[in-house]
Amino acid sequence: MELRFDIVFDDLLDLQKDFVLRSNLHKKTKWALFSISIILLLLVLLRDFNFISLGITMLWIVFFPIMYSKVTLYSLTRFLKKQNLDLILGHNTMTFDDNGILRKTELTKTFFDWNQFVVIREDTKHYFLYISDTQGVILPKSAIVNKEQEGEFKYYFDKYFMPRMNTR
């Protein structure tokens, strides 16, 4: 089965959003930073107790988990805008068979064995096929344009992806 589609910058941002919100790496990083900052704030509070320190500590406890994701996504967006993304963005072709997936862009050709995929996640517009906790392949759901492709994709999805779906 062959799927043809274009990857645009917003698709890449959706992958980054999924990565930040759901990857083990970012979960661990967020809670490590949160724990260290709480310890530091508590040390300040214990050393020189006042209501301002208490207020700052309480605000930090409430807003840090929310702000972490937003600030991280903002930073990643700024970083990606400065990168040459020609190897990722643009026209893509993915060929599925029982050996794996061949992904071709205008500049690259990469083969992925089914066993390379460690996590498969999806949002409303994409499938994210992760080959590690930090690297993934984007497959827009809109690339499946007819019933025949839908049936073939369901075959590969059920056979190779379902055992790995949302496992991390």
C-alpha atoms as a PDB file:
ATOM      1  CA  MET A   1       0.000   0.000   0.000  1.00  0.00           C
ATOM      2  CA  GLU A   2       1.287   3.436  -0.865  1.00  0.00           C
ATOM      3  CA  LEU A   3       0.207   6.702   0.779  1.00  0.00           C
ATOM      4  CA  ARG A   4       1.108  10.136  -0.577  1.00  0.00           C
ATOM      5  CA  PHE A   5       0.839  13.297   1.499  1.00  0.00           C
ATOM      6  CA  ASP A   6       2.482  16.573   2.420  1.00  0.00           C
ATOM      7  CA  ILE A   7       3.987  17.321   5.807  1.00  0.00           C
ATOM      8  CA  VAL A   8       3.759  20.984   6.786  1.00  0.00           C
ATOM      9  CA  PHE A   9       5.202  22.851   9.761  1.00  0.00           C
ATOM     10  CA  ASP A  10       1.960  22.530  11.751  1.00  0.00           C
ATOM     11  CA  ASP A  11       2.182  18.720  11.443  1.00  0.00           C
ATOM     12  CA  LEU A  12       5.663  18.870  12.949  1.00  0.00           C
ATOM     13  CA  LEU A  13       4.358  21.084  15.766  1.00  0.00           C
ATOM     14  CA  ASP A  14       1.598  18.546  16.466  1.00  0.00           C
ATOM     15  CA  LEU A  15       4.274  15.849  16.810  1.00  0.00           C
ATOM     16  CA  GLN A  16       6.211  18.083  19.203  1.00  0.00           C
ATOM     17  CA  LYS A  17       3.062  18.753  21.211  1.00  0.00           C
ATOM     18  CA  ASP A  18       2.380  15.016  21.506  1.00  0.00           C
ATOM     19  CA  PHE A  19       6.007  14.477  22.511  1.00  0.00           C
ATOM     20  CA  VAL A  20       5.962  17.179  25.205  1.00  0.00           C
ATOM     21  CA  LEU A  21       2.596  16.200  26.657  1.00  0.00           C
ATOM     22  CA  ARG A  22       2.930  12.419  26.557  1.00  0.00           C
ATOM     23  CA  SER A  23       6.563  11.247  26.384  1.00  0.00           C
ATOM     24  CA  ASN A  24       8.323   9.673  29.348  1.00  0.00           C
ATOM     25  CA  LEU A  25      11.273  12.025  28.876  1.00  0.00           C
ATOM     26  CA  HIS A  26       9.189  15.155  29.344  1.00  0.00           C
ATOM     27  CA  LYS A  27       7.177  13.687  32.207  1.00  0.00           C
ATOM     28  CA  LYS A  28      10.386  12.905  34.076  1.00  0.00           C
ATOM     29  CA  THR A  29      11.944  16.275  33.244  1.00  0.00           C
ATOM     30  CA  LYS A  30       8.862  18.212  34.330  1.00  0.00           C
ATOM     31  CA  TRP A  31       8.607  16.465  37.682  1.00  0.00           C
ATOM     32  CA  ALA A  32      12.350  16.622  38.331  1.00  0.00           C
ATOM     33  CA  LEU A  33      12.373  20.390  37.725  1.00  0.00           C
ATOM     34  CA  PHE A  34       9.217  20.776  39.787  1.00  0.00           C
ATOM     35  CA  SER A  35      10.687  18.803  42.712  1.00  0.00           C
ATOM     36  CA  ILE A  36      13.983  20.684  42.700  1.00  0.00           C
ATOM     37  CA  SER A  37      12.252  24.056  42.526  1.00  0.00           C
ATOM     38  CA  ILE A  38       9.854  23.134  45.379  1.00  0.00           C
ATOM     39  CA  ILE A  39      12.794  22.066  47.553  1.00  0.00           C
ATOM     40  CA  LEU A  40      14.568  25.357  46.845  1.00  0.00           C
ATOM     41  CA  LEU A  41      11.434  27.386  47.531  1.00  0.00           C
ATOM     42  CA  LEU A  42      10.814  25.483  50.774  1.00  0.00           C
ATOM     43  CA  LEU A  43      14.406  26.117  51.875  1.00  0.00           C
ATOM     44  CA  VAL A  44      13.889  29.833  51.318  1.00  0.00           C
ATOM     45  CA  LEU A  45      10.560  29.666  53.125  1.00  0.00           C
ATOM     46  CA  LEU A  46      12.049  27.799  56.124  1.00  0.00           C
ATOM     47  CA  ARG A  47      15.032  30.122  56.365  1.00  0.00           C
ATOM     48  CA  ASP A  48      13.062  33.347  56.284  1.00  0.00           C
ATOM     49  CA  PHE A  49       9.348  32.698  56.670  1.00  0.00           C
ATOM     50  CA  ASN A  50       7.055  35.425  55.428  1.00  0.00           C
ATOM     51  CA  PHE A  51       3.764  35.513  53.589  1.00  0.00           C
ATOM     52  CA  ILE A  52       5.387  36.687  50.346  1.00  0.00           C
ATOM     53  CA  SER A  53       7.590  33.562  50.245  1.00  0.00           C
ATOM     54  CA  LEU A  54       4.590  31.421  51.109  1.00  0.00           C
ATOM     55  CA  GLY A  55       2.543  33.079  48.335  1.00  0.00           C
ATOM     56  CA  ILE A  56       5.296  32.592  45.749  1.00  0.00           C
ATOM     57  CA  THR A  57       5.646  28.931  46.766  1.00  0.00           C
ATOM     58  CA  MET A  58       1.907  28.334  46.470  1.00  0.00           C
ATOM     59  CA  LEU A  59       1.711  30.062  43.072  1.00  0.00           C
ATOM     60  CA  TRP A  60       4.653  27.998  41.833  1.00  0.00           C
ATOM     61  CA  ILE A  61       3.010  24.755  42.968  1.00  0.00           C
ATOM     62  CA  VAL A  62      -0.194  25.670  41.123  1.00  0.00           C
ATOM     63  CA  PHE A  63       1.212  27.125  37.895  1.00  0.00           C
ATOM     64  CA  PHE A  64       4.463  25.257  37.198  1.00  0.00           C
ATOM     65  CA  PRO A  65       2.873  22.078  35.728  1.00  0.00           C
ATOM     66  CA  ILE A  66       0.732  24.208  33.399  1.00  0.00           C
ATOM     67  CA  MET A  67       3.504  26.586  32.378  1.00  0.00           C
ATOM     68  CA  TYR A  68       6.107  23.887  31.772  1.00  0.00           C
ATOM     69  CA  SER A  69       4.304  22.499  28.718  1.00  0.00           C
ATOM     70  CA  LYS A  70       3.498  25.922  27.279  1.00  0.00           C
ATOM     71  CA  VAL A  71       7.028  27.265  27.698  1.00  0.00           C
ATOM     72  CA  THR A  72       8.582  24.069  26.329  1.00  0.00           C
ATOM     73  CA  LEU A  73       6.339  24.106  23.244  1.00  0.00           C
ATOM     74  CA  TYR A  74       7.052  27.796  22.679  1.00  0.00           C
ATOM     75  CA  SER A  75      10.808  27.131  22.902  1.00  0.00           C
ATOM     76  CA  LEU A  76      10.606  24.153  20.539  1.00  0.00           C
ATOM     77  CA  THR A  77       8.580  26.195  18.031  1.00  0.00           C
ATOM     78  CA  ARG A  78      11.166  28.990  18.062  1.00  0.00           C
ATOM     79  CA  PHE A  79      13.964  26.441  17.695  1.00  0.00           C
ATOM     80  CA  LEU A  80      12.292  24.596  14.797  1.00  0.00           C
ATOM     81  CA  LYS A  81      11.600  27.825  12.903  1.00  0.00           C
ATOM     82  CA  LYS A  82      15.366  28.396  12.762  1.00  0.00           C
ATOM     83  CA  GLN A  83      16.137  24.892  11.426  1.00  0.00           C
ATOM     84  CA  ASN A  84      16.408  23.614   7.873  1.00  0.00           C
ATOM     85  CA  LEU A  85      13.518  21.152   7.794  1.00  0.00           C
ATOM     86  CA  ASP A  86      13.778  20.200   4.107  1.00  0.00           C
ATOM     87  CA  LEU A  87      14.424  16.548   5.013  1.00  0.00           C
ATOM     88  CA  ILE A  88      11.083  16.338   6.848  1.00  0.00           C
ATOM     89  CA  LEU A  89       8.662  18.844   5.346  1.00  0.00           C
ATOM     90  CA  GLY A  90       7.159  18.630   1.898  1.00  0.00           C
ATOM     91  CA  HIS A  91       5.880  15.753  -0.169  1.00  0.00           C
ATOM     92  CA  ASN A  92       6.128  12.301   1.449  1.00  0.00           C
ATOM     93  CA  THR A  93       5.376   8.812   0.227  1.00  0.00           C
ATOM     94  CA  MET A  94       4.984   5.889   2.608  1.00  0.00           C
ATOM     95  CA  THR A  95       4.900   2.357   1.291  1.00  0.00           C
ATOM     96  CA  PHE A  96       3.593  -0.304   3.669  1.00  0.00           C
ATOM     97  CA  ASP A  97       4.282  -4.020   3.299  1.00  0.00           C
ATOM     98  CA  ASP A  98       4.803  -6.963   5.632  1.00  0.00           C
ATOM     99  CA  ASN A  99       8.498  -6.073   6.007  1.00  0.00           C
ATOM    100  CA  GLY A 100       7.891  -2.522   7.250  1.00  0.00           C
ATOM    101  CA  ILE A 101       7.442   1.032   6.018  1.00  0.00           C
ATOM    102  CA  LEU A 102       9.489   2.787   3.346  1.00  0.00           C
ATOM    103  CA  ARG A 103       9.269   6.571   3.755  1.00  0.00           C
ATOM    104  CA  LYS A 104      10.419   8.762   0.889  1.00  0.00           C
ATOM    105  CA  THR A 105      10.686  12.525   0.801  1.00  0.00           C
ATOM    106  CA  GLU A 106      12.064  14.650  -1.985  1.00  0.00           C
ATOM    107  CA  LEU A 107      15.545  14.324  -0.458  1.00  0.00           C
ATOM    108  CA  THR A 108      15.596  11.092   1.569  1.00  0.00           C
ATOM    109  CA  LYS A 109      14.540   7.476   1.620  1.00  0.00           C
ATOM    110  CA  THR A 110      14.254   5.612   4.946  1.00  0.00           C
ATOM    111  CA  PHE A 111      13.092   2.085   5.685  1.00  0.00           C
ATOM    112  CA  PHE A 112      11.568   1.210   9.077  1.00  0.00           C
ATOM    113  CA  ASP A 113      11.183  -2.402  10.123  1.00  0.00           C
ATOM    114  CA  TRP A 114       7.961  -2.994  12.066  1.00  0.00           C
ATOM    115  CA  ASN A 115      10.009  -3.887  15.156  1.00  0.00           C
ATOM    116  CA  GLN A 116      11.587  -0.422  15.200  1.00  0.00           C
ATOM    117  CA  PHE A 117       8.331   1.199  16.282  1.00  0.00           C
ATOM    118  CA  VAL A 118       8.201   1.380  20.047  1.00  0.00           C
ATOM    119  CA  VAL A 119       5.121   3.543  20.568  1.00  0.00           C
ATOM    120  CA  ILE A 120       2.208   4.446  18.332  1.00  0.00           C
ATOM    121  CA  ARG A 121       0.004   7.367  19.347  1.00  0.00           C
ATOM    122  CA  GLU A 122      -2.602   9.407  17.560  1.00  0.00           C
ATOM    123  CA  ASP A 123      -4.436  12.685  17.786  1.00  0.00           C
ATOM    124  CA  THR A 124      -7.423  13.799  15.754  1.00  0.00           C
ATOM    125  CA  LYS A 125      -5.347  14.473  12.613  1.00  0.00           C
ATOM    126  CA  HIS A 126      -2.294  12.184  12.791  1.00  0.00           C
ATOM    127  CA  TYR A 127      -0.735   8.905  13.685  1.00  0.00           C
ATOM    128  CA  PHE A 128       2.645   9.359  15.385  1.00  0.00           C
ATOM    129  CA  LEU A 129       4.880   6.345  14.830  1.00  0.00           C
ATOM    130  CA  TYR A 130       7.684   6.607  17.389  1.00  0.00           C
ATOM    131  CA  ILE A 131      10.970   4.792  16.837  1.00  0.00           C
ATOM    132  CA  SER A 132      12.252   6.030  20.216  1.00  0.00           C
ATOM    133  CA  ASP A 133      10.876   8.144  23.033  1.00  0.00           C
ATOM    134  CA  THR A 134      12.143  11.243  21.213  1.00  0.00           C
ATOM    135  CA  GLN A 135      11.903  10.440  17.473  1.00  0.00           C
ATOM    136  CA  GLY A 136       8.804   9.779  15.463  1.00  0.00           C
ATOM    137  CA  VAL A 137       7.316   9.597  12.001  1.00  0.00           C
ATOM    138  CA  ILE A 138       4.181  11.590  11.178  1.00  0.00           C
ATOM    139  CA  LEU A 139       1.356  10.001   9.197  1.00  0.00           C
ATOM    140  CA  PRO A 140      -1.573  12.346   8.579  1.00  0.00           C
ATOM    141  CA  LYS A 141      -4.903  10.547   8.762  1.00  0.00           C
ATOM    142  CA  SER A 142      -5.952  12.519   5.677  1.00  0.00           C
ATOM    143  CA  ALA A 143      -3.416  10.497   3.638  1.00  0.00           C
ATOM    144  CA  ILE A 144      -5.876   7.590   3.681  1.00  0.00           C
ATOM    145  CA  VAL A 145      -8.201   8.762   0.907  1.00  0.00           C
ATOM    146  CA  ASN A 146     -10.321   5.758  -0.118  1.00  0.00           C
ATOM    147  CA  LYS A 147     -11.884   2.554   1.211  1.00  0.00           C
ATOM    148  CA  GLU A 148      -9.198   0.341  -0.309  1.00  0.00           C
ATOM    149  CA  GLN A 149      -6.417   2.261   1.470  1.00  0.00           C
ATOM    150  CA  GLU A 150      -8.498   2.311   4.634  1.00  0.00           C
ATOM    151  CA  GLY A 151      -8.817  -1.485   4.532  1.00  0.00           C
ATOM    152  CA  GLU A 152      -5.120  -2.018   3.849  1.00  0.00           C
ATOM    153  CA  PHE A 153      -4.116   0.440   6.541  1.00  0.00           C
ATOM    154  CA  LYS A 154      -6.442  -1.312   9.018  1.00  0.00           C
ATOM    155  CA  TYR A 155      -4.704  -4.599   8.182  1.00  0.00           C
ATOM    156  CA  TYR A 156      -1.224  -3.188   8.930  1.00  0.00           C
ATOM    157  CA  PHE A 157      -2.485  -1.167  11.894  1.00  0.00           C
ATOM    158  CA  ASP A 158      -4.156  -4.162  13.527  1.00  0.00           C
ATOM    159  CA  LYS A 159      -1.308  -6.552  12.776  1.00  0.00           C
ATOM    160  CA  TYR A 160       1.705  -4.376  13.644  1.00  0.00           C
ATOM    161  CA  PHE A 161       0.589  -1.262  15.529  1.00  0.00           C
ATOM    162  CA  MET A 162      -2.219  -2.344  17.855  1.00  0.00           C
ATOM    163  CA  PRO A 163       0.133  -4.387  20.070  1.00  0.00           C
ATOM    164  CA  ARG A 164       2.185  -1.173  20.585  1.00  0.00           C
ATOM    165  CA  MET A 165      -0.619   1.385  20.767  1.00  0.00           C
ATOM    166  CA  ASN A 166      -0.263   3.866  23.673  1.00  0.00           C
ATOM    167  CA  THR A 167       2.181   1.648  25.495  1.00  0.00           C
ATOM    168  CA  ARG A 168       4.240   4.530  26.884  1.00  0.00           C
END
